[in-house]
Amino acid sequence: MNLGILPDGSLSSRLKGDLYWKKQKLMLRSAQDLKHHNPATDHFLSKFELASSNGTVFFSSIEDIKDEHGDTATDLPRPQYSNQIQEHRLSPMAIPEYDEFIPENYISQIKNASLTVKTYHDNGRFMGLCITGVHSGWLELVWMSNPEGVTPDEIMGLISLILDRARDEKKYKGAFVELHMAPETAQMENNLRACGMRTLHVKNNLYELRVKDIVPMDGLSAAMQRHQCQVVSHAGEDVKSALEDILYEEKSPVPVAFPVPWSKCRQDLSFLYHDKASGSAGLLLVSEMSDTLVFDLLYGKTPVITAALLGHAIKASESLLSPDQKILIPIVLEATRPLVEKLAPTATREELVEAVIRF
């Protein structure tokens, strides 16, 4: 099952969300590996610190959301389910048995244990499967299958069962579901409210733009003159290795996998900076997925290095890319947001429905 690339070559909303999920997971893992608390990542240590309507308040609990936006619970009766339903965690080796129910873009994360799959049967009848992830003690319901012959009421009953059993485990702060906007979203939102969840409409953290939307920023040229960055395609293995060592020892979270996936980036649009004498370093990684370029990492020891990397990438794009080339920038570090909004003030973000329940 493929939920990723649409017929016109563009990325589906679900695939864009998965790209963000992977980057956020790298950020959280990096933060957890550090020995000290880092305030810069506070916003991402809870999925539910959501910006209020005035843009200045961050919520730390579902009660705060309720106070700000009102109770979104519904009068619909809670979906019922059979207590005889059996669940079974699916091993990666058993994926082929259920591949028609599992989206392709989740398989690698299931195999590396970033995501978990459980199947559900009622007296031998297959009711469906659920893919879940965990973020700092919060359970995310990532995907629910919809097998033939299983009614919508039964699917919602299954979600109620999953939430109840997760609560009984007493190891999660709560659970959430992220709904991308589609014709069926409104009905699903009502159904999740019936399961005891509350919902909030928010903008995602994926900035979408085209090359022509990029606005020249003051200071980039001066930064490029101070720091001559090198395109990744010309960098030697010794430089790459030294940069990996610096990233690994960084005292702030860096959302990048180790070893750095050099071969997966656009070699002609990704840039690095390394000064052996001072230990200064920076790295900008850009990858390509179908018709979209994705900013995977923008890291600099100093703001000037960050500006130099951006300047070199923008300059390279002028001769390599069409003005209509699509670009996707996931934001997992709050300090990066003002830079992106200054770089592309007309960039857009899709709306999501967040459904949340606290245990």
Protein backbone atom coordinates (compact mmCIF):
# COMPACT_ATOMS: atom_id res chain seq x y z
CA MET A 1 0.00 0.00 0.00
CA ASN A 2 1.46 3.35 -1.06
CA LEU A 3 0.25 6.55 0.61
CA GLY A 4 3.23 8.62 -0.46
CA ILE A 5 3.50 9.85 -4.03
CA LEU A 6 0.36 11.19 -5.71
CA PRO A 7 -0.32 10.61 -9.44
CA ASP A 8 1.03 14.08 -10.35
CA GLY A 9 4.32 13.35 -8.58
CA SER A 10 3.64 15.52 -5.53
CA LEU A 11 3.94 14.29 -1.95
CA SER A 12 0.79 13.34 -0.08
CA SER A 13 -0.02 15.09 3.20
CA ARG A 14 0.53 11.81 5.03
CA LEU A 15 4.01 11.37 3.55
CA LYS A 16 4.93 14.96 4.43
CA GLY A 17 3.78 14.24 7.98
CA ASP A 18 5.92 11.10 8.06
CA LEU A 19 8.98 13.10 6.99
CA TYR A 20 8.37 15.45 9.89
CA TRP A 21 7.81 12.52 12.28
CA LYS A 22 11.20 11.02 11.38
CA LYS A 23 13.02 14.33 11.85
CA GLN A 24 11.28 15.01 15.14
CA LYS A 25 12.21 11.51 16.31
CA LEU A 26 15.87 12.24 15.54
CA MET A 27 15.62 15.50 17.50
CA LEU A 28 14.02 13.86 20.53
CA ARG A 29 16.52 11.00 20.47
CA SER A 30 19.36 13.50 20.33
CA ALA A 31 17.87 15.46 23.24
CA GLN A 32 17.47 12.31 25.33
CA ASP A 33 21.11 11.37 24.70
CA LEU A 34 22.31 14.64 26.23
CA LYS A 35 23.25 14.80 29.90
CA HIS A 36 21.69 18.20 30.52
CA HIS A 37 18.36 19.87 29.93
CA ASN A 38 18.13 21.97 26.79
CA PRO A 39 15.44 24.69 26.89
CA ALA A 40 15.57 25.09 23.10
CA THR A 41 13.78 21.78 22.66
CA ASP A 42 11.06 22.30 25.28
CA HIS A 43 8.47 22.93 22.59
CA PHE A 44 9.03 19.46 21.16
CA LEU A 45 9.19 17.47 24.38
CA SER A 46 5.39 17.46 24.41
CA LYS A 47 3.27 17.14 21.31
CA PHE A 48 0.64 19.30 22.95
CA GLU A 49 2.40 22.56 23.67
CA LEU A 50 0.26 24.11 20.95
CA ALA A 51 0.29 27.80 20.12
CA SER A 52 -2.85 29.68 21.10
CA SER A 53 -4.74 32.02 18.81
CA ASN A 54 -2.68 35.04 19.84
CA GLY A 55 0.59 33.23 19.11
CA THR A 56 2.14 33.91 22.51
CA VAL A 57 0.93 31.11 24.76
CA PHE A 58 1.94 27.46 24.68
CA PHE A 59 -0.31 24.78 26.14
CA SER A 60 1.16 22.13 28.42
CA SER A 61 -1.99 20.10 29.00
CA ILE A 62 -5.34 19.27 27.47
CA GLU A 63 -7.03 21.30 30.21
CA ASP A 64 -5.21 24.40 28.97
CA ILE A 65 -6.53 23.69 25.48
CA LYS A 66 -10.02 23.29 26.88
CA ASP A 67 -9.82 26.61 28.74
CA GLU A 68 -8.61 28.43 25.62
CA HIS A 69 -10.82 26.88 22.97
CA GLY A 70 -13.73 25.38 24.87
CA ASP A 71 -14.81 21.81 25.42
CA THR A 72 -14.91 20.03 22.05
CA ALA A 73 -16.44 16.83 23.39
CA THR A 74 -19.47 15.44 21.58
CA ASP A 75 -22.80 14.07 22.75
CA LEU A 76 -22.33 10.98 20.58
CA PRO A 77 -22.33 7.71 22.55
CA ARG A 78 -18.92 6.18 23.11
CA PRO A 79 -18.18 3.39 20.60
CA GLN A 80 -18.56 -0.09 22.07
CA TYR A 81 -16.31 -3.11 21.59
CA SER A 82 -16.01 -6.75 22.57
CA ASN A 83 -13.70 -7.55 25.48
CA GLN A 84 -12.86 -10.79 23.66
CA ILE A 85 -10.85 -8.98 20.95
CA GLN A 86 -7.28 -10.27 20.96
CA GLU A 87 -4.29 -8.14 20.04
CA HIS A 88 -0.95 -9.38 18.79
CA ARG A 89 2.22 -7.41 18.16
CA LEU A 90 3.42 -8.03 14.64
CA SER A 91 7.09 -8.87 14.17
CA PRO A 92 8.93 -7.38 11.17
CA MET A 93 9.21 -10.91 9.76
CA ALA A 94 5.39 -11.15 9.58
CA ILE A 95 4.91 -7.90 7.65
CA PRO A 96 4.44 -9.68 4.29
CA GLU A 97 1.35 -11.42 5.67
CA TYR A 98 -0.35 -8.04 6.14
CA ASP A 99 1.37 -5.90 3.50
CA GLU A 100 -1.95 -4.92 1.89
CA PHE A 101 -2.89 -3.14 5.14
CA ILE A 102 0.47 -1.46 5.89
CA PRO A 103 1.52 1.70 3.99
CA GLU A 104 4.95 1.32 2.37
CA ASN A 105 6.30 4.49 3.95
CA TYR A 106 5.98 2.96 7.45
CA ILE A 107 7.73 -0.35 6.79
CA SER A 108 11.31 0.83 7.40
CA GLN A 109 10.25 2.46 10.70
CA ILE A 110 8.51 -0.75 11.77
CA LYS A 111 11.63 -2.74 11.00
CA ASN A 112 13.86 -0.42 13.05
CA ALA A 113 11.30 -0.42 15.92
CA SER A 114 10.48 3.31 15.64
CA LEU A 115 6.89 2.24 15.04
CA THR A 116 4.89 -0.72 16.39
CA VAL A 117 2.16 -2.73 14.67
CA LYS A 118 -0.57 -4.70 16.46
CA THR A 119 -3.24 -6.83 14.81
CA TYR A 120 -6.73 -7.36 16.27
CA HIS A 121 -8.96 -10.44 15.93
CA ASP A 122 -12.42 -11.18 17.34
CA ASN A 123 -13.01 -14.95 17.54
CA GLY A 124 -10.65 -15.44 14.62
CA ARG A 125 -12.11 -12.61 12.52
CA PHE A 126 -9.52 -10.03 11.44
CA MET A 127 -10.69 -6.62 12.66
CA GLY A 128 -7.70 -4.60 11.50
CA LEU A 129 -4.28 -3.42 12.58
CA CYS A 130 -2.95 -0.28 14.23
CA ILE A 131 0.45 1.35 13.82
CA THR A 132 1.61 3.39 16.79
CA GLY A 133 4.59 5.50 17.82
CA VAL A 134 5.72 6.96 21.12
CA HIS A 135 6.84 10.57 21.68
CA SER A 136 8.17 11.45 25.14
CA GLY A 137 5.60 9.31 26.92
CA TRP A 138 2.71 10.08 24.55
CA LEU A 139 1.21 7.35 22.36
CA GLU A 140 0.45 8.31 18.76
CA LEU A 141 -2.08 6.36 16.72
CA VAL A 142 -0.32 6.68 13.39
CA TRP A 143 -2.45 4.47 11.16
CA MET A 144 -5.59 2.35 11.36
CA SER A 145 -6.40 -0.14 8.61
CA ASN A 146 -9.91 -0.48 7.21
CA PRO A 147 -10.38 -4.14 6.22
CA GLU A 148 -13.25 -5.15 3.96
CA GLY A 149 -16.30 -6.24 5.91
CA VAL A 150 -15.41 -4.29 9.07
CA THR A 151 -17.93 -1.51 9.68
CA PRO A 152 -17.04 2.10 10.60
CA ASP A 153 -18.66 1.53 14.02
CA GLU A 154 -16.42 -1.48 14.59
CA ILE A 155 -13.33 0.53 13.62
CA MET A 156 -14.25 3.23 16.12
CA GLY A 157 -14.91 0.58 18.75
CA LEU A 158 -11.43 -0.74 18.06
CA ILE A 159 -9.96 2.72 18.64
CA SER A 160 -11.81 2.91 21.96
CA LEU A 161 -10.36 -0.47 22.91
CA ILE A 162 -6.83 0.62 21.96
CA LEU A 163 -7.15 3.79 24.05
CA ASP A 164 -8.55 1.90 27.05
CA ARG A 165 -5.81 -0.72 26.96
CA ALA A 166 -3.13 1.94 26.57
CA ARG A 167 -4.53 3.72 29.63
CA ASP A 168 -4.50 0.45 31.59
CA GLU A 169 -0.79 0.02 30.86
CA LYS A 170 -0.16 3.11 33.01
CA LYS A 171 3.00 4.04 31.11
CA TYR A 172 1.66 6.77 28.82
CA LYS A 173 0.73 10.36 29.63
CA GLY A 174 -1.99 10.14 27.01
CA ALA A 175 -2.62 9.50 23.34
CA PHE A 176 -3.08 11.58 20.22
CA VAL A 177 -4.07 11.29 16.59
CA GLU A 178 -2.97 13.65 13.83
CA LEU A 179 -5.55 14.04 11.04
CA HIS A 180 -4.62 15.52 7.69
CA MET A 181 -7.39 17.44 5.96
CA ALA A 182 -9.48 15.27 3.63
CA PRO A 183 -13.18 14.86 2.81
CA GLU A 184 -13.58 12.27 5.58
CA THR A 185 -11.71 14.28 8.24
CA ALA A 186 -14.79 16.00 9.73
CA GLN A 187 -16.53 12.68 10.37
CA MET A 188 -13.39 11.12 11.81
CA GLU A 189 -12.96 14.13 14.10
CA ASN A 190 -16.48 13.59 15.47
CA ASN A 191 -15.80 9.89 15.93
CA LEU A 192 -12.61 10.55 17.89
CA ARG A 193 -14.49 12.97 20.14
CA ALA A 194 -16.94 10.15 20.79
CA CYS A 195 -13.95 8.10 21.98
CA GLY A 196 -13.27 10.76 24.64
CA MET A 197 -10.67 12.77 22.71
CA ARG A 198 -10.62 16.53 22.30
CA THR A 199 -9.58 18.22 19.12
CA LEU A 200 -7.84 21.38 17.99
CA HIS A 201 -7.19 22.72 14.49
CA VAL A 202 -3.55 23.76 14.11
CA LYS A 203 -0.98 24.52 11.43
CA ASN A 204 1.68 21.88 10.95
CA ASN A 205 5.42 22.52 11.20
CA LEU A 206 6.16 21.86 7.53
CA TYR A 207 6.86 25.01 5.53
CA GLU A 208 6.17 24.62 1.80
CA LEU A 209 7.53 27.01 -0.81
CA ARG A 210 9.07 27.28 -4.26
CA VAL A 211 12.48 28.60 -5.24
CA LYS A 212 10.90 31.82 -6.52
CA ASP A 213 9.45 32.48 -3.04
CA ILE A 214 12.89 32.84 -1.45
CA VAL A 215 13.65 36.42 -0.46
CA PRO A 216 17.31 37.57 -0.42
CA MET A 217 18.35 38.13 3.18
CA ASP A 218 20.70 40.82 4.41
CA GLY A 219 24.06 39.51 5.50
CA LEU A 220 24.23 36.32 3.42
CA SER A 221 26.86 37.67 1.03
CA ALA A 222 29.04 38.90 3.88
CA ALA A 223 28.69 35.56 5.65
CA MET A 224 29.69 33.71 2.47
CA GLN A 225 32.83 35.82 2.21
CA ARG A 226 33.77 35.04 5.81
CA HIS A 227 33.10 31.30 5.52
CA GLN A 228 33.83 29.57 2.23
CA CYS A 229 31.58 26.51 2.36
CA GLN A 230 32.20 23.38 0.33
CA VAL A 231 29.64 21.49 -1.72
CA VAL A 232 29.28 17.93 -0.39
CA SER A 233 30.13 16.40 -3.78
CA HIS A 234 33.64 17.89 -3.49
CA ALA A 235 34.25 17.05 0.18
CA GLY A 236 36.76 14.39 1.10
CA GLU A 237 36.07 11.53 3.50
CA ASP A 238 38.42 13.07 6.08
CA VAL A 239 36.33 16.27 6.19
CA LYS A 240 33.07 14.32 6.41
CA SER A 241 34.45 12.18 9.22
CA ALA A 242 35.67 15.23 11.17
CA LEU A 243 32.27 16.86 10.77
CA GLU A 244 30.48 13.74 12.01
CA ASP A 245 32.68 13.77 15.12
CA ILE A 246 31.74 17.39 15.80
CA LEU A 247 28.02 16.67 15.33
CA TYR A 248 28.23 13.66 17.63
CA GLU A 249 29.86 15.72 20.39
CA GLU A 250 27.51 18.69 19.99
CA LYS A 251 26.01 19.86 23.29
CA SER A 252 22.67 20.81 21.73
CA PRO A 253 20.33 18.34 20.00
CA VAL A 254 21.01 17.88 16.28
CA PRO A 255 18.33 16.05 14.23
CA VAL A 256 20.60 13.89 12.11
CA ALA A 257 21.20 10.15 11.87
CA PHE A 258 24.61 8.59 12.50
CA PRO A 259 26.44 7.84 10.35
CA VAL A 260 25.36 10.89 8.39
CA PRO A 261 23.49 9.69 5.26
CA TRP A 262 25.80 11.45 2.81
CA SER A 263 24.79 9.32 -0.17
CA LYS A 264 21.09 10.19 0.23
CA CYS A 265 21.51 13.96 -0.04
CA ARG A 266 21.57 16.11 -3.16
CA GLN A 267 25.33 16.32 -3.54
CA ASP A 268 25.20 19.54 -5.57
CA LEU A 269 22.87 21.41 -3.19
CA SER A 270 24.20 20.24 0.19
CA PHE A 271 27.05 22.20 1.74
CA LEU A 272 29.43 21.85 4.66
CA TYR A 273 31.91 24.02 6.50
CA HIS A 274 34.84 22.86 8.62
CA ASP A 275 37.73 24.83 10.06
CA LYS A 276 40.12 22.37 11.68
CA ALA A 277 42.05 25.04 13.56
CA SER A 278 39.07 26.56 15.36
CA GLY A 279 36.75 23.54 15.36
CA SER A 280 34.04 25.61 13.70
CA ALA A 281 31.62 23.62 11.57
CA GLY A 282 28.32 23.66 9.75
CA LEU A 283 26.23 21.38 7.59
CA LEU A 284 23.23 21.87 5.30
CA LEU A 285 21.71 18.65 3.93
CA VAL A 286 19.11 18.67 1.18
CA SER A 287 17.46 15.51 -0.14
CA GLU A 288 15.08 14.92 -3.03
CA MET A 289 11.79 13.03 -2.92
CA SER A 290 9.80 12.86 -6.13
CA ASP A 291 9.13 16.48 -7.19
CA THR A 292 10.16 18.04 -3.87
CA LEU A 293 13.44 19.07 -2.25
CA VAL A 294 13.55 18.51 1.52
CA PHE A 295 15.76 20.45 3.94
CA ASP A 296 16.92 17.61 6.19
CA LEU A 297 19.40 19.56 8.31
CA LEU A 298 20.64 23.12 8.82
CA TYR A 299 23.34 23.19 11.49
CA GLY A 300 25.96 25.82 12.23
CA LYS A 301 28.25 26.38 15.19
CA THR A 302 27.45 30.10 14.83
CA PRO A 303 24.67 32.10 13.15
CA VAL A 304 27.21 33.41 10.63
CA ILE A 305 28.09 29.87 9.55
CA THR A 306 24.39 29.07 9.21
CA ALA A 307 23.93 32.18 7.04
CA ALA A 308 26.93 31.20 4.89
CA LEU A 309 25.53 27.73 4.28
CA LEU A 310 22.17 29.19 3.26
CA GLY A 311 23.83 31.71 1.02
CA HIS A 312 25.82 29.06 -0.84
CA ALA A 313 22.75 26.84 -1.26
CA ILE A 314 20.63 29.72 -2.59
CA LYS A 315 23.36 30.74 -5.01
CA ALA A 316 23.69 27.16 -6.28
CA SER A 317 19.93 26.88 -6.71
CA GLU A 318 19.89 29.82 -9.13
CA SER A 319 21.63 27.78 -11.83
CA LEU A 320 20.47 24.29 -10.86
CA LEU A 321 16.76 24.70 -10.13
CA SER A 322 13.62 25.96 -11.78
CA PRO A 323 11.88 28.92 -10.10
CA ASP A 324 8.90 26.60 -9.58
CA GLN A 325 10.88 23.86 -7.84
CA LYS A 326 9.04 22.76 -4.68
CA ILE A 327 10.84 22.91 -1.33
CA LEU A 328 9.77 21.44 2.02
CA ILE A 329 11.32 22.64 5.29
CA PRO A 330 10.40 20.71 8.46
CA ILE A 331 10.85 22.75 11.66
CA VAL A 332 11.81 20.71 14.72
CA LEU A 333 13.77 23.41 16.55
CA GLU A 334 11.78 26.49 17.46
CA ALA A 335 14.76 28.80 17.04
CA THR A 336 14.77 27.96 13.31
CA ARG A 337 11.24 29.19 12.66
CA PRO A 338 12.01 32.97 12.46
CA LEU A 339 14.82 32.25 10.00
CA VAL A 340 12.56 30.22 7.71
CA GLU A 341 9.76 32.80 7.89
CA LYS A 342 12.22 35.55 6.99
CA LEU A 343 13.69 33.48 4.15
CA ALA A 344 10.27 32.69 2.66
CA PRO A 345 7.54 34.91 4.15
CA THR A 346 4.91 33.51 1.76
CA ALA A 347 5.62 29.86 2.61
CA THR A 348 2.47 27.89 3.42
CA ARG A 349 1.61 25.29 6.07
CA GLU A 350 -1.19 22.76 5.94
CA GLU A 351 -3.92 22.58 8.57
CA LEU A 352 -4.15 19.55 10.85
CA VAL A 353 -6.67 18.30 13.36
CA GLU A 354 -5.01 17.18 16.60
CA ALA A 355 -7.09 14.78 18.67
CA VAL A 356 -5.83 14.40 22.24
CA ILE A 357 -6.73 12.42 25.35
CA ARG A 358 -4.85 12.57 28.64
CA PHE A 359 -4.76 9.42 30.74
